[in-house]
PDB file of N, CA and C in Angstrom:
ATOM      1  N   UNK A   1       0.826  -1.187   0.000  1.00  0.00           N
ATOM      2  CA  UNK A   1       0.000   0.000   0.000  1.00  0.00           C
ATOM      3  C   UNK A   1       0.874   1.255   0.000  1.00  0.00           C
ATOM      4  N   UNK A   2       1.972   1.230   0.719  1.00  0.00           N
ATOM      5  CA  UNK A   2       2.851   2.395   0.772  1.00  0.00           C
ATOM      6  C   UNK A   2       3.360   2.760  -0.616  1.00  0.00           C
ATOM      7  N   UNK A   3       3.722   1.747  -1.394  1.00  0.00           N
ATOM      8  CA  UNK A   3       4.192   2.016  -2.753  1.00  0.00           C
ATOM      9  C   UNK A   3       3.105   2.719  -3.567  1.00  0.00           C
ATOM     10  N   UNK A   4       1.894   2.203  -3.527  1.00  0.00           N
ATOM     11  CA  UNK A   4       0.812   2.759  -4.346  1.00  0.00           C
ATOM     12  C   UNK A   4       0.477   4.184  -3.913  1.00  0.00           C
ATOM     13  N   UNK A   5       0.340   4.413  -2.624  1.00  0.00           N
ATOM     14  CA  UNK A   5      -0.021   5.749  -2.164  1.00  0.00           C
ATOM     15  C   UNK A   5       1.086   6.757  -2.479  1.00  0.00           C
ATOM     16  N   UNK A   6       2.336   6.353  -2.359  1.00  0.00           N
ATOM     17  CA  UNK A   6       3.462   7.233  -2.683  1.00  0.00           C
ATOM     18  C   UNK A   6       3.550   7.451  -4.193  1.00  0.00           C
ATOM     19  N   UNK A   7       3.432   6.372  -4.950  1.00  0.00           N
ATOM     20  CA  UNK A   7       3.544   6.419  -6.408  1.00  0.00           C
ATOM     21  C   UNK A   7       2.451   7.297  -7.019  1.00  0.00           C
ATOM     22  N   UNK A   8       1.228   7.168  -6.498  1.00  0.00           N
ATOM     23  CA  UNK A   8       0.088   7.901  -7.052  1.00  0.00           C
ATOM     24  C   UNK A   8      -0.185   9.220  -6.328  1.00  0.00           C
ATOM     25  N   UNK A   9       0.363   9.392  -5.139  1.00  0.00           N
ATOM     26  CA  UNK A   9       0.142  10.621  -4.380  1.00  0.00           C
ATOM     27  C   UNK A   9      -1.256  10.737  -3.811  1.00  0.00           C
ATOM     28  N   UNK A  10      -1.821   9.611  -3.396  1.00  0.00           N
ATOM     29  CA  UNK A  10      -3.180   9.582  -2.845  1.00  0.00           C
ATOM     30  C   UNK A  10      -3.184   8.803  -1.531  1.00  0.00           C
ATOM     31  N   UNK A  11      -4.312   8.837  -0.842  1.00  0.00           N
ATOM     32  CA  UNK A  11      -4.420   8.125   0.439  1.00  0.00           C
ATOM     33  C   UNK A  11      -4.841   6.668   0.220  1.00  0.00           C
ATOM     34  N   UNK A  12      -4.634   5.861   1.253  1.00  0.00           N
ATOM     35  CA  UNK A  12      -5.055   4.464   1.171  1.00  0.00           C
ATOM     36  C   UNK A  12      -6.573   4.351   1.079  1.00  0.00           C
ATOM     37  N   UNK A  13      -7.296   5.266   1.722  1.00  0.00           N
ATOM     38  CA  UNK A  13      -8.760   5.248   1.635  1.00  0.00           C
ATOM     39  C   UNK A  13      -9.216   5.485   0.206  1.00  0.00           C
ATOM     40  N   UNK A  14      -8.543   6.375  -0.521  1.00  0.00           N
ATOM     41  CA  UNK A  14      -8.883   6.636  -1.913  1.00  0.00           C
ATOM     42  C   UNK A  14      -8.648   5.387  -2.764  1.00  0.00           C
ATOM     43  N   UNK A  15      -7.523   4.704  -2.508  1.00  0.00           N
ATOM     44  CA  UNK A  15      -7.197   3.477  -3.243  1.00  0.00           C
ATOM     45  C   UNK A  15      -8.284   2.431  -3.026  1.00  0.00           C
ATOM     46  N   UNK A  16      -8.668   2.189  -1.771  1.00  0.00           N
ATOM     47  CA  UNK A  16      -9.690   1.184  -1.493  1.00  0.00           C
ATOM     48  C   UNK A  16     -11.037   1.565  -2.094  1.00  0.00           C
ATOM     49  N   UNK A  17     -11.337   2.842  -2.164  1.00  0.00           N
ATOM     50  CA  UNK A  17     -12.583   3.294  -2.786  1.00  0.00           C
ATOM     51  C   UNK A  17     -12.565   3.007  -4.291  1.00  0.00           C
ATOM     52  N   UNK A  18     -11.425   3.221  -4.929  1.00  0.00           N
ATOM     53  CA  UNK A  18     -11.299   2.933  -6.352  1.00  0.00           C
ATOM     54  C   UNK A  18     -11.448   1.440  -6.635  1.00  0.00           C
ATOM     55  N   UNK A  19     -10.960   0.611  -5.724  1.00  0.00           N
ATOM     56  CA  UNK A  19     -11.125  -0.844  -5.855  1.00  0.00           C
ATOM     57  C   UNK A  19     -12.600  -1.197  -5.748  1.00  0.00           C
ATOM     58  N   UNK A  20     -13.302  -0.630  -4.764  1.00  0.00           N
ATOM     59  CA  UNK A  20     -14.730  -0.885  -4.593  1.00  0.00           C
ATOM     60  C   UNK A  20     -15.527  -0.480  -5.820  1.00  0.00           C
ATOM     61  N   UNK A  21     -15.144   0.610  -6.447  1.00  0.00           N
ATOM     62  CA  UNK A  21     -15.842   1.102  -7.633  1.00  0.00           C
ATOM     63  C   UNK A  21     -15.466   0.330  -8.898  1.00  0.00           C
ATOM     64  N   UNK A  22     -14.461  -0.538  -8.799  1.00  0.00           N
ATOM     65  CA  UNK A  22     -14.024  -1.325  -9.943  1.00  0.00           C
ATOM     66  C   UNK A  22     -13.082  -0.593 -10.875  1.00  0.00           C
ATOM     67  N   UNK A  23     -12.529   0.527 -10.421  1.00  0.00           N
ATOM     68  CA  UNK A  23     -11.621   1.318 -11.241  1.00  0.00           C
ATOM     69  C   UNK A  23     -10.175   0.857 -11.127  1.00  0.00           C
ATOM     70  N   UNK A  24      -9.839   0.193 -10.067  1.00  0.00           N
ATOM     71  CA  UNK A  24      -8.466  -0.219  -9.793  1.00  0.00           C
ATOM     72  C   UNK A  24      -8.457  -1.716  -9.522  1.00  0.00           C
ATOM     73  N   UNK A  25      -7.451  -2.432 -10.035  1.00  0.00           N
ATOM     74  CA  UNK A  25      -7.380  -3.872  -9.759  1.00  0.00           C
ATOM     75  C   UNK A  25      -7.264  -4.147  -8.265  1.00  0.00           C
ATOM     76  N   UNK A  26      -7.929  -5.188  -7.826  1.00  0.00           N
ATOM     77  CA  UNK A  26      -7.879  -5.567  -6.421  1.00  0.00           C
ATOM     78  C   UNK A  26      -6.530  -6.151  -6.045  1.00  0.00           C
ATOM     79  N   UNK A  27      -6.278  -6.238  -4.762  1.00  0.00           N
ATOM     80  CA  UNK A  27      -4.988  -6.757  -4.293  1.00  0.00           C
ATOM     81  C   UNK A  27      -4.921  -8.278  -4.370  1.00  0.00           C
ATOM     82  N   UNK A  28      -3.709  -8.763  -4.311  1.00  0.00           N
ATOM     83  CA  UNK A  28      -3.442 -10.189  -4.144  1.00  0.00           C
ATOM     84  C   UNK A  28      -3.248 -10.390  -2.652  1.00  0.00           C
ATOM     85  N   UNK A  29      -4.043 -11.255  -2.069  1.00  0.00           N
ATOM     86  CA  UNK A  29      -3.964 -11.465  -0.626  1.00  0.00           C
ATOM     87  C   UNK A  29      -2.910 -12.528  -0.311  1.00  0.00           C
ATOM     88  N   UNK A  30      -2.005 -12.187   0.581  1.00  0.00           N
ATOM     89  CA  UNK A  30      -0.980 -13.103   1.086  1.00  0.00           C
ATOM     90  C   UNK A  30      -1.133 -13.134   2.595  1.00  0.00           C
ATOM     91  N   UNK A  31      -1.912 -14.088   3.063  1.00  0.00           N
ATOM     92  CA  UNK A  31      -2.242 -14.109   4.479  1.00  0.00           C
ATOM     93  C   UNK A  31      -3.104 -12.901   4.788  1.00  0.00           C
ATOM     94  N   UNK A  32      -2.680 -12.084   5.737  1.00  0.00           N
ATOM     95  CA  UNK A  32      -3.420 -10.867   6.081  1.00  0.00           C
ATOM     96  C   UNK A  32      -2.919  -9.646   5.322  1.00  0.00           C
ATOM     97  N   UNK A  33      -1.896  -9.839   4.501  1.00  0.00           N
ATOM     98  CA  UNK A  33      -1.309  -8.731   3.742  1.00  0.00           C
ATOM     99  C   UNK A  33      -1.955  -8.616   2.363  1.00  0.00           C
ATOM    100  N   UNK A  34      -1.973  -7.408   1.851  1.00  0.00           N
ATOM    101  CA  UNK A  34      -2.455  -7.142   0.496  1.00  0.00           C
ATOM    102  C   UNK A  34      -1.289  -6.650  -0.339  1.00  0.00           C
ATOM    103  N   UNK A  35      -1.174  -7.207  -1.531  1.00  0.00           N
ATOM    104  CA  UNK A  35      -0.096  -6.818  -2.444  1.00  0.00           C
ATOM    105  C   UNK A  35      -0.679  -6.591  -3.835  1.00  0.00           C
ATOM    106  N   UNK A  36      -0.048  -5.701  -4.584  1.00  0.00           N
ATOM    107  CA  UNK A  36      -0.446  -5.424  -5.953  1.00  0.00           C
ATOM    108  C   UNK A  36       0.751  -5.653  -6.856  1.00  0.00           C
ATOM    109  N   UNK A  37       0.472  -6.039  -8.094  1.00  0.00           N
ATOM    110  CA  UNK A  37       1.543  -6.134  -9.071  1.00  0.00           C
ATOM    111  C   UNK A  37       1.873  -4.720  -9.554  1.00  0.00           C
ATOM    112  N   UNK A  38       3.130  -4.384  -9.513  1.00  0.00           N
ATOM    113  CA  UNK A  38       3.545  -3.044  -9.941  1.00  0.00           C
ATOM    114  C   UNK A  38       3.097  -2.788 -11.375  1.00  0.00           C
ATOM    115  N   UNK A  39       3.203  -3.807 -12.222  1.00  0.00           N
ATOM    116  CA  UNK A  39       2.829  -3.645 -13.633  1.00  0.00           C
ATOM    117  C   UNK A  39       1.348  -3.302 -13.776  1.00  0.00           C
ATOM    118  N   UNK A  40       0.484  -3.869 -12.948  1.00  0.00           N
ATOM    119  CA  UNK A  40      -0.948  -3.554 -13.008  1.00  0.00           C
ATOM    120  C   UNK A  40      -1.215  -2.110 -12.582  1.00  0.00           C
ATOM    121  N   UNK A  41      -0.527  -1.651 -11.564  1.00  0.00           N
ATOM    122  CA  UNK A  41      -0.715  -0.280 -11.091  1.00  0.00           C
ATOM    123  C   UNK A  41      -0.202   0.704 -12.128  1.00  0.00           C
ATOM    124  N   UNK A  42       0.960   0.417 -12.712  1.00  0.00           N
ATOM    125  CA  UNK A  42       1.508   1.305 -13.739  1.00  0.00           C
ATOM    126  C   UNK A  42       0.599   1.343 -14.968  1.00  0.00           C
ATOM    127  N   UNK A  43       0.048   0.191 -15.362  1.00  0.00           N
ATOM    128  CA  UNK A  43      -0.876   0.135 -16.500  1.00  0.00           C
ATOM    129  C   UNK A  43      -2.147   0.923 -16.198  1.00  0.00           C
ATOM    130  N   UNK A  44      -2.686   0.774 -14.997  1.00  0.00           N
ATOM    131  CA  UNK A  44      -3.883   1.513 -14.586  1.00  0.00           C
ATOM    132  C   UNK A  44      -3.626   3.021 -14.641  1.00  0.00           C
ATOM    133  N   UNK A  45      -2.476   3.437 -14.135  1.00  0.00           N
ATOM    134  CA  UNK A  45      -2.148   4.852 -14.125  1.00  0.00           C
ATOM    135  C   UNK A  45      -1.963   5.375 -15.553  1.00  0.00           C
ATOM    136  N   UNK A  46      -1.319   4.599 -16.398  1.00  0.00           N
ATOM    137  CA  UNK A  46      -1.110   5.006 -17.789  1.00  0.00           C
ATOM    138  C   UNK A  46      -2.446   5.170 -18.511  1.00  0.00           C
ATOM    139  N   UNK A  47      -3.400   4.289 -18.259  1.00  0.00           N
ATOM    140  CA  UNK A  47      -4.731   4.400 -18.868  1.00  0.00           C
ATOM    141  C   UNK A  47      -5.411   5.686 -18.420  1.00  0.00           C
ATOM    142  N   UNK A  48      -5.257   6.052 -17.164  1.00  0.00           N
ATOM    143  CA  UNK A  48      -5.856   7.301 -16.660  1.00  0.00           C
ATOM    144  C   UNK A  48      -5.222   8.518 -17.328  1.00  0.00           C
ATOM    145  N   UNK A  49      -3.913   8.476 -17.530  1.00  0.00           N
ATOM    146  CA  UNK A  49      -3.222   9.585 -18.180  1.00  0.00           C
ATOM    147  C   UNK A  49      -3.688   9.703 -19.633  1.00  0.00           C
ATOM    148  N   UNK A  50      -3.808   8.592 -20.330  1.00  0.00           N
ATOM    149  CA  UNK A  50      -4.211   8.599 -21.739  1.00  0.00           C
ATOM    150  C   UNK A  50      -5.671   9.017 -21.932  1.00  0.00           C
ATOM    151  N   UNK A  51      -6.518   8.782 -20.940  1.00  0.00           N
ATOM    152  CA  UNK A  51      -7.945   9.078 -21.084  1.00  0.00           C
ATOM    153  C   UNK A  51      -8.290  10.531 -20.778  1.00  0.00           C
ATOM    154  N   UNK A  52      -7.363  11.294 -20.287  1.00  0.00           N
ATOM    155  CA  UNK A  52      -7.693  12.686 -19.922  1.00  0.00           C
ATOM    156  C   UNK A  52      -7.740  13.613 -21.085  1.00  0.00           C
TER     157      UNK A  52
END
């Protein structure tokens, strides 16, 4: 989560809201931890940049 919030400049609450809305890929659960593939986050961000 720290990587995503730092990389995108947003809060963790905003990230989870985007997941709920289906705008952002959900995490991969590893036990109680949540992880995202960097490539998925970068692709998601690139799509947002291209759509503006």
